Amino acid sequence: VQLQASGGGLVQAGGYLRLSCAASGDTFSTSAIGWFRQAPGKEREFVAAISWNGRHRDYIDSVRGRFTISRDKTDHTVYLQIDDLKPEDTAVYYCAVKWGSFFSDRGTSSSYNYWGQGTQVTVSS
């Protein structure tokens, strides 16, 4: 599986971005997908995840209501819509494939099997 994250950029607070995670490989359509982010000097943190069929989603509390994760099976892409961006959202955002169940350890980076290269999101105040 190969993942390509894109869509990051420099935006003002209150703005929006749509991140994309394009995947190749047979296991993408049967795998949960997660988004993580890492700010300078901080550990990588879980942001959102979606189950293989798109029926289940999860978010960290700090982004709930502003971030929306979705997936399109036809083009093997997972999206992260980010609205009302805040300076604290500034980070490199990574997408990752999880072969195991969506319902176990989806917030733990070590539970994911493949990672994309990341896309930078910078929010100015």
Protein backbone atom coordinates (compact mmCIF):
# COMPACT_ATOMS: atom_id res chain seq x y z
CA VAL A 1 0.00 0.00 0.00
CA GLN A 2 1.22 3.48 -0.86
CA LEU A 3 -0.36 6.63 0.49
CA GLN A 4 -0.08 10.17 -0.85
CA ALA A 5 -1.33 12.99 1.35
CA SER A 6 -2.00 16.39 -0.15
CA GLY A 7 -4.05 19.54 0.26
CA GLY A 8 -2.13 21.31 2.98
CA GLY A 9 -1.23 24.97 2.85
CA LEU A 10 -1.07 28.30 4.60
CA VAL A 11 -4.43 29.71 5.63
CA GLN A 12 -5.74 32.32 8.00
CA ALA A 13 -7.56 31.39 11.18
CA GLY A 14 -11.19 30.67 10.45
CA GLY A 15 -10.38 29.36 7.00
CA TYR A 16 -10.70 25.84 5.69
CA LEU A 17 -8.76 23.14 3.90
CA ARG A 18 -9.54 19.76 2.43
CA LEU A 19 -6.81 17.20 2.84
CA SER A 20 -6.70 14.16 0.60
CA CYS A 21 -5.09 10.78 1.13
CA ALA A 22 -4.84 8.87 -2.13
CA ALA A 23 -4.01 5.20 -1.86
CA SER A 24 -2.86 2.42 -4.08
CA GLY A 25 -3.03 -1.25 -3.20
CA ASP A 26 -5.65 -3.90 -2.73
CA THR A 27 -6.09 -3.57 1.02
CA PHE A 28 -7.14 0.07 1.06
CA SER A 29 -10.84 -0.61 0.52
CA THR A 30 -10.93 -3.09 3.42
CA SER A 31 -8.88 -1.05 5.87
CA ALA A 32 -9.61 1.65 8.38
CA ILE A 33 -7.84 4.93 7.68
CA GLY A 34 -6.60 7.39 10.22
CA TRP A 35 -5.32 10.94 10.17
CA PHE A 36 -2.65 12.05 12.61
CA ARG A 37 -0.80 15.30 13.02
CA GLN A 38 2.50 16.38 14.47
CA ALA A 39 3.27 19.91 15.50
CA PRO A 40 6.85 21.13 15.97
CA GLY A 41 8.29 19.84 19.21
CA LYS A 42 5.26 17.69 19.95
CA GLU A 43 4.41 14.05 19.61
CA ARG A 44 2.28 12.77 16.79
CA GLU A 45 -1.36 12.76 17.81
CA PHE A 46 -4.45 11.06 16.52
CA VAL A 47 -6.95 13.33 14.79
CA ALA A 48 -9.63 11.20 13.11
CA ALA A 49 -10.34 7.74 11.76
CA ILE A 50 -12.88 6.10 9.50
CA SER A 51 -13.81 2.44 9.19
CA TRP A 52 -13.32 0.48 6.01
CA ASN A 53 -16.96 0.91 4.96
CA GLY A 54 -17.26 4.52 6.07
CA ARG A 55 -19.98 3.76 8.60
CA HIS A 56 -17.92 4.58 11.68
CA ARG A 57 -15.90 7.67 12.41
CA ASP A 58 -14.02 9.00 15.37
CA TYR A 59 -12.36 12.32 16.24
CA ILE A 60 -10.36 13.79 19.04
CA ASP A 61 -12.40 16.21 21.08
CA SER A 62 -10.45 19.28 20.01
CA VAL A 63 -11.47 18.88 16.37
CA ARG A 64 -14.94 17.41 16.73
CA GLY A 65 -17.42 19.59 14.89
CA ARG A 66 -14.72 21.23 12.77
CA PHE A 67 -13.11 18.23 11.05
CA THR A 68 -14.94 15.72 8.89
CA ILE A 69 -13.39 12.51 7.65
CA SER A 70 -14.85 10.73 4.65
CA ARG A 71 -13.81 8.21 2.04
CA ASP A 72 -14.51 7.55 -1.58
CA LYS A 73 -14.04 3.93 -2.54
CA THR A 74 -14.24 4.59 -6.23
CA ASP A 75 -11.05 6.63 -6.30
CA HIS A 76 -9.37 5.10 -3.23
CA THR A 77 -9.19 8.40 -1.42
CA VAL A 78 -9.88 9.50 2.12
CA TYR A 79 -10.60 13.14 2.81
CA LEU A 80 -10.24 15.33 5.87
CA GLN A 81 -12.31 18.48 5.62
CA ILE A 82 -11.02 21.03 8.09
CA ASP A 83 -13.23 24.02 8.85
CA ASP A 84 -12.74 26.97 11.18
CA LEU A 85 -9.00 26.43 11.31
CA LYS A 86 -7.18 27.55 14.43
CA PRO A 87 -3.49 28.33 14.92
CA GLU A 88 -3.21 25.26 17.14
CA ASP A 89 -4.12 23.12 14.12
CA THR A 90 -0.75 23.95 12.60
CA ALA A 91 1.09 20.68 12.05
CA VAL A 92 2.15 18.12 9.50
CA TYR A 93 -0.83 15.90 8.81
CA TYR A 94 -0.35 12.21 8.03
CA CYS A 95 -2.74 9.56 6.84
CA ALA A 96 -2.27 5.91 7.65
CA VAL A 97 -3.78 2.50 6.92
CA LYS A 98 -4.92 0.24 9.73
CA TRP A 99 -5.41 -3.43 8.93
CA GLY A 100 -6.86 -4.32 12.29
CA SER A 101 -10.33 -3.56 13.56
CA PHE A 102 -11.49 0.05 13.60
CA PHE A 103 -12.83 -0.58 17.08
CA SER A 104 -9.51 -1.33 18.72
CA ASP A 105 -6.62 1.08 19.25
CA ARG A 106 -7.58 3.39 16.40
CA GLY A 107 -6.05 6.31 18.28
CA THR A 108 -2.66 4.65 18.63
CA SER A 109 -0.14 5.30 15.89
CA SER A 110 1.55 1.94 16.39
CA SER A 111 -1.70 0.24 15.35
CA TYR A 112 -1.33 1.54 11.80
CA ASN A 113 0.56 -0.37 9.16
CA TYR A 114 1.38 2.11 6.41
CA TRP A 115 1.91 5.87 6.46
CA GLY A 116 1.87 8.62 3.90
CA GLN A 117 4.55 11.29 3.73
CA GLY A 118 2.53 14.08 5.34
CA THR A 119 1.21 17.44 4.24
CA GLN A 120 1.91 20.71 6.04
CA VAL A 121 -0.96 22.78 7.42
CA THR A 122 -0.08 26.23 8.71
CA VAL A 123 -2.69 28.51 10.23
CA SER A 124 -1.90 32.17 10.78
CA SER A 125 -3.67 34.18 13.44
